[in-house]
Amino acid sequence: MRVLAIDTALAACSAAILDTDQGGIVASKSVAMTRGHAEALMPLLRQIMDEAQAAFRDFDRVVVTTGPGSFTGLRVGISAARGIALSIGKPAVGVTTLSAYAAPYLAEDDTAPVVVAIDARHQHVYLQVFAPGGRSTSGPRLAPLSDAVRAAAAAPARIVGSAAQSVADALVASDAAPIGIDGRGAPDIDWVARMGAAVPEGQAPPKPQYLRAPDAQPQNAAQLPRR
């Protein structure tokens, strides 16, 4: 199976090509950015496709991160994945950013919990906690930073995500020490590809998971009355 993976949900524009027949990732590139994903994505896809000597028609599946993350970034990646999949007549699947952050740590050692916390601003995070064995203790949710701190203090845990350092700093007051901290701004795109290849066919459609309302709201007071 050849899989094209795309991630524009957070602070990177990333893409990777996984070929299970060749044993793994054959091309991968990630560029750190907080905006400009729409302009960067297609040139980046061309780079990795040239490196892998691949064409869109060669892919059996397209996988994309579905959030939570930036509203604009999510729309860029999901629209691209859906468009490519439609044009080649192959399925598109979604992987959450929270599970993608956790995946490499659970694969390496699933005996310790993983607390995934993505900065949602205003002292809030997008949060998901994975217990030993990889079982999620709850679904993805928007939560106060203090909830992530309590989860990380309950047992020695690995803390990952763009808010990981904030969680770790707050743990000082509780005298709890994390096993490890990974505060990168986006998940590893290679793991997005691997997770997408493992999704059973027909499951995990690429639908955005925003988890919060947009900050920008219509200015109803400024609307002109209808006649």
Protein backbone atom coordinates (compact mmCIF):
# COMPACT_ATOMS: atom_id res chain seq x y z
CA MET A 1 0.00 0.00 0.00
CA ARG A 2 1.18 3.50 -0.86
CA VAL A 3 -0.11 6.24 1.44
CA LEU A 4 0.14 10.00 1.08
CA ALA A 5 -0.02 11.79 4.45
CA ILE A 6 -0.77 15.49 4.94
CA ASP A 7 -0.69 17.64 8.08
CA THR A 8 -1.45 21.37 8.14
CA ALA A 9 -3.42 21.41 11.40
CA LEU A 10 -0.89 23.09 13.68
CA ALA A 11 2.51 24.80 13.49
CA ALA A 12 3.90 22.92 10.48
CA CYS A 13 3.16 22.08 6.89
CA SER A 14 4.09 18.43 6.48
CA ALA A 15 3.71 15.55 4.06
CA ALA A 16 5.04 12.02 3.80
CA ILE A 17 4.80 9.00 1.53
CA LEU A 18 4.62 5.55 3.09
CA ASP A 19 5.14 2.43 0.95
CA THR A 20 4.39 -0.69 2.97
CA ASP A 21 5.83 -2.91 0.22
CA GLN A 22 9.17 -1.08 0.46
CA GLY A 23 9.19 -1.28 4.22
CA GLY A 24 8.34 2.23 5.36
CA ILE A 25 8.60 5.96 4.68
CA VAL A 26 10.11 6.71 1.26
CA ALA A 27 9.84 10.52 1.39
CA SER A 28 8.99 13.00 4.12
CA LYS A 29 9.22 16.74 4.69
CA SER A 30 8.03 19.11 7.42
CA VAL A 31 8.36 22.89 7.45
CA ALA A 32 7.61 24.81 10.63
CA MET A 33 5.02 27.57 10.11
CA THR A 34 2.01 29.05 11.84
CA ARG A 35 0.42 30.51 8.72
CA GLY A 36 0.79 30.20 4.95
CA HIS A 37 -0.07 26.50 4.78
CA ALA A 38 -2.27 26.97 1.72
CA GLU A 39 0.58 28.44 -0.30
CA ALA A 40 3.17 25.96 0.97
CA LEU A 41 1.33 22.65 0.71
CA MET A 42 1.28 21.91 -3.03
CA PRO A 43 4.96 22.80 -3.63
CA LEU A 44 5.86 20.62 -0.63
CA LEU A 45 3.82 17.73 -2.06
CA ARG A 46 5.62 18.11 -5.36
CA GLN A 47 9.00 17.91 -3.60
CA ILE A 48 8.30 14.65 -1.83
CA MET A 49 6.60 13.13 -4.87
CA ASP A 50 9.64 13.95 -7.00
CA GLU A 51 11.85 12.41 -4.32
CA ALA A 52 9.77 9.23 -4.27
CA GLN A 53 9.26 9.27 -8.04
CA ALA A 54 5.54 9.05 -7.44
CA ALA A 55 2.40 10.46 -9.03
CA PHE A 56 -0.97 11.04 -7.38
CA ARG A 57 -2.42 8.06 -9.24
CA ASP A 58 0.09 5.78 -7.48
CA PHE A 59 -1.47 6.26 -4.05
CA ASP A 60 -3.90 3.78 -2.54
CA ARG A 61 -4.97 6.07 0.29
CA VAL A 62 -4.69 9.69 1.43
CA VAL A 63 -4.51 10.43 5.16
CA VAL A 64 -4.84 13.83 6.79
CA THR A 65 -4.86 15.22 10.32
CA THR A 66 -8.36 16.25 11.34
CA GLY A 67 -7.60 18.32 14.43
CA PRO A 68 -7.98 19.76 16.84
CA GLY A 69 -5.89 22.62 15.55
CA SER A 70 -6.04 25.82 13.57
CA PHE A 71 -9.38 26.41 11.85
CA THR A 72 -7.67 27.63 8.68
CA GLY A 73 -4.97 24.98 8.74
CA LEU A 74 -7.48 22.16 9.13
CA ARG A 75 -9.50 23.36 6.18
CA VAL A 76 -6.38 23.55 3.99
CA GLY A 77 -5.24 20.00 4.70
CA ILE A 78 -8.64 18.32 4.68
CA SER A 79 -9.70 20.06 1.45
CA ALA A 80 -6.47 19.00 -0.25
CA ALA A 81 -6.77 15.40 0.94
CA ARG A 82 -10.39 15.12 -0.14
CA GLY A 83 -9.64 16.67 -3.52
CA ILE A 84 -6.69 14.39 -4.23
CA ALA A 85 -8.61 11.29 -3.11
CA LEU A 86 -11.60 12.22 -5.25
CA SER A 87 -9.47 12.85 -8.31
CA ILE A 88 -7.73 9.45 -8.11
CA GLY A 89 -10.76 7.50 -6.92
CA LYS A 90 -9.14 6.33 -3.69
CA PRO A 91 -10.23 6.70 -0.04
CA ALA A 92 -9.26 9.55 2.27
CA VAL A 93 -9.01 8.91 6.01
CA GLY A 94 -8.49 11.12 9.04
CA VAL A 95 -6.19 10.90 12.04
CA THR A 96 -6.52 13.24 15.03
CA THR A 97 -3.57 15.40 15.98
CA LEU A 98 -3.84 14.17 19.58
CA SER A 99 -3.53 10.49 18.67
CA ALA A 100 -0.73 11.27 16.22
CA TYR A 101 1.24 13.02 18.96
CA ALA A 102 0.84 9.99 21.25
CA ALA A 103 1.49 7.24 18.70
CA PRO A 104 5.32 7.12 18.69
CA TYR A 105 5.47 7.09 22.49
CA LEU A 106 2.89 4.35 22.83
CA ALA A 107 4.69 2.31 20.19
CA GLU A 108 7.99 2.71 22.01
CA ASP A 109 6.67 1.94 25.51
CA ASP A 110 3.00 1.61 26.38
CA THR A 111 3.54 0.94 30.08
CA ALA A 112 3.32 4.62 31.06
CA PRO A 113 0.51 7.09 30.43
CA VAL A 114 0.80 9.77 27.75
CA VAL A 115 -0.81 13.16 28.30
CA VAL A 116 -1.31 15.06 25.06
CA ALA A 117 -1.93 18.80 25.43
CA ILE A 118 -2.18 21.21 22.51
CA ASP A 119 -2.24 24.93 23.21
CA ALA A 120 -5.77 26.28 22.72
CA ARG A 121 -4.92 29.73 24.19
CA HIS A 122 -6.54 31.53 27.12
CA GLN A 123 -5.19 28.95 29.63
CA HIS A 124 -6.97 26.12 27.81
CA VAL A 125 -5.67 23.07 25.97
CA TYR A 126 -6.97 20.40 23.64
CA LEU A 127 -6.49 17.37 25.85
CA GLN A 128 -6.46 13.61 25.58
CA VAL A 129 -4.94 11.16 28.06
CA PHE A 130 -3.77 7.69 27.05
CA ALA A 131 -3.45 5.14 29.87
CA PRO A 132 -0.90 2.32 29.93
CA GLY A 133 -1.67 -0.03 27.08
CA GLY A 134 -2.68 2.86 24.84
CA ARG A 135 -6.29 3.03 25.97
CA SER A 136 -7.75 6.53 25.84
CA THR A 137 -9.29 7.48 29.18
CA SER A 138 -11.58 9.99 27.47
CA GLY A 139 -12.18 11.45 24.06
CA PRO A 140 -10.50 14.60 22.76
CA ARG A 141 -11.78 17.69 24.57
CA LEU A 142 -11.18 21.35 25.20
CA ALA A 143 -10.14 21.71 28.85
CA PRO A 144 -8.55 24.16 31.27
CA LEU A 145 -4.78 23.84 31.53
CA SER A 146 -5.29 22.77 35.14
CA ASP A 147 -7.04 19.58 33.95
CA ALA A 148 -3.95 18.59 31.97
CA VAL A 149 -1.77 19.32 35.00
CA ARG A 150 -3.92 17.10 37.22
CA ALA A 151 -3.79 14.29 34.66
CA ALA A 152 0.00 14.52 34.44
CA ALA A 153 0.32 14.62 38.23
CA ALA A 154 -1.79 11.51 38.79
CA ALA A 155 1.06 9.20 37.71
CA PRO A 156 4.50 9.61 36.13
CA ALA A 157 3.63 10.36 32.51
CA ARG A 158 5.06 11.50 29.24
CA ILE A 159 3.70 14.92 28.28
CA VAL A 160 3.56 15.77 24.58
CA GLY A 161 2.08 18.50 22.43
CA SER A 162 2.54 22.22 21.93
CA ALA A 163 1.40 22.91 25.53
CA ALA A 164 3.62 20.21 27.08
CA GLN A 165 6.10 22.65 28.57
CA SER A 166 3.31 24.73 30.12
CA VAL A 167 1.91 21.60 31.75
CA ALA A 168 5.36 20.55 32.97
CA ASP A 169 6.05 24.00 34.41
CA ALA A 170 2.80 23.88 36.37
CA LEU A 171 3.71 20.47 37.77
CA VAL A 172 6.49 22.04 39.81
CA ALA A 173 4.00 23.13 42.46
CA SER A 174 2.76 19.56 42.90
CA ASP A 175 6.26 18.06 43.13
CA ALA A 176 5.32 15.65 40.32
CA ALA A 177 7.97 14.86 37.73
CA PRO A 178 7.12 13.78 34.18
CA ILE A 179 8.95 10.91 32.51
CA GLY A 180 9.55 13.06 29.46
CA ILE A 181 8.46 16.25 27.72
CA ASP A 182 8.03 16.77 23.98
CA GLY A 183 6.76 20.26 23.14
CA ARG A 184 7.06 20.16 19.37
CA GLY A 185 4.55 22.27 17.48
CA ALA A 186 3.11 19.48 15.34
CA PRO A 187 2.99 15.67 15.35
CA ASP A 188 5.48 13.54 13.44
CA ILE A 189 4.14 13.25 9.88
CA ASP A 190 5.71 9.81 9.46
CA TRP A 191 3.46 8.53 12.24
CA VAL A 192 0.43 10.19 10.64
CA ALA A 193 1.18 8.09 7.55
CA ARG A 194 1.62 4.88 9.55
CA MET A 195 -1.61 5.44 11.46
CA GLY A 196 -3.48 6.21 8.27
CA ALA A 197 -2.31 2.97 6.69
CA ALA A 198 -3.60 1.01 9.69
CA VAL A 199 -7.12 2.49 9.67
CA PRO A 200 -9.69 -0.14 8.59
CA GLU A 201 -11.28 0.71 5.26
CA GLY A 202 -14.47 2.73 5.59
CA GLN A 203 -13.61 4.09 9.03
CA ALA A 204 -12.27 7.48 10.18
CA PRO A 205 -13.56 9.80 7.45
CA PRO A 206 -11.61 13.07 7.15
CA LYS A 207 -13.98 15.31 9.11
CA PRO A 208 -12.57 18.26 11.07
CA GLN A 209 -12.55 18.11 14.87
CA TYR A 210 -12.55 21.74 15.95
CA LEU A 211 -13.62 21.18 19.60
CA ARG A 212 -14.31 24.89 20.04
CA ALA A 213 -16.20 27.71 18.35
CA PRO A 214 -14.20 30.14 16.21
CA ASP A 215 -12.87 33.27 17.90
CA ALA A 216 -14.19 35.43 15.07
CA GLN A 217 -17.95 35.93 15.36
CA PRO A 218 -20.41 37.79 13.10
CA GLN A 219 -21.05 41.37 14.16
CA ASN A 220 -24.83 41.12 14.37
CA ALA A 221 -25.14 44.62 15.80
CA ALA A 222 -23.72 46.07 12.61
CA GLN A 223 -26.14 44.27 10.27
CA LEU A 224 -28.44 46.40 8.20
CA PRO A 225 -32.16 45.72 8.63
CA ARG A 226 -33.83 43.74 5.87
CA ARG A 227 -36.59 45.38 3.90
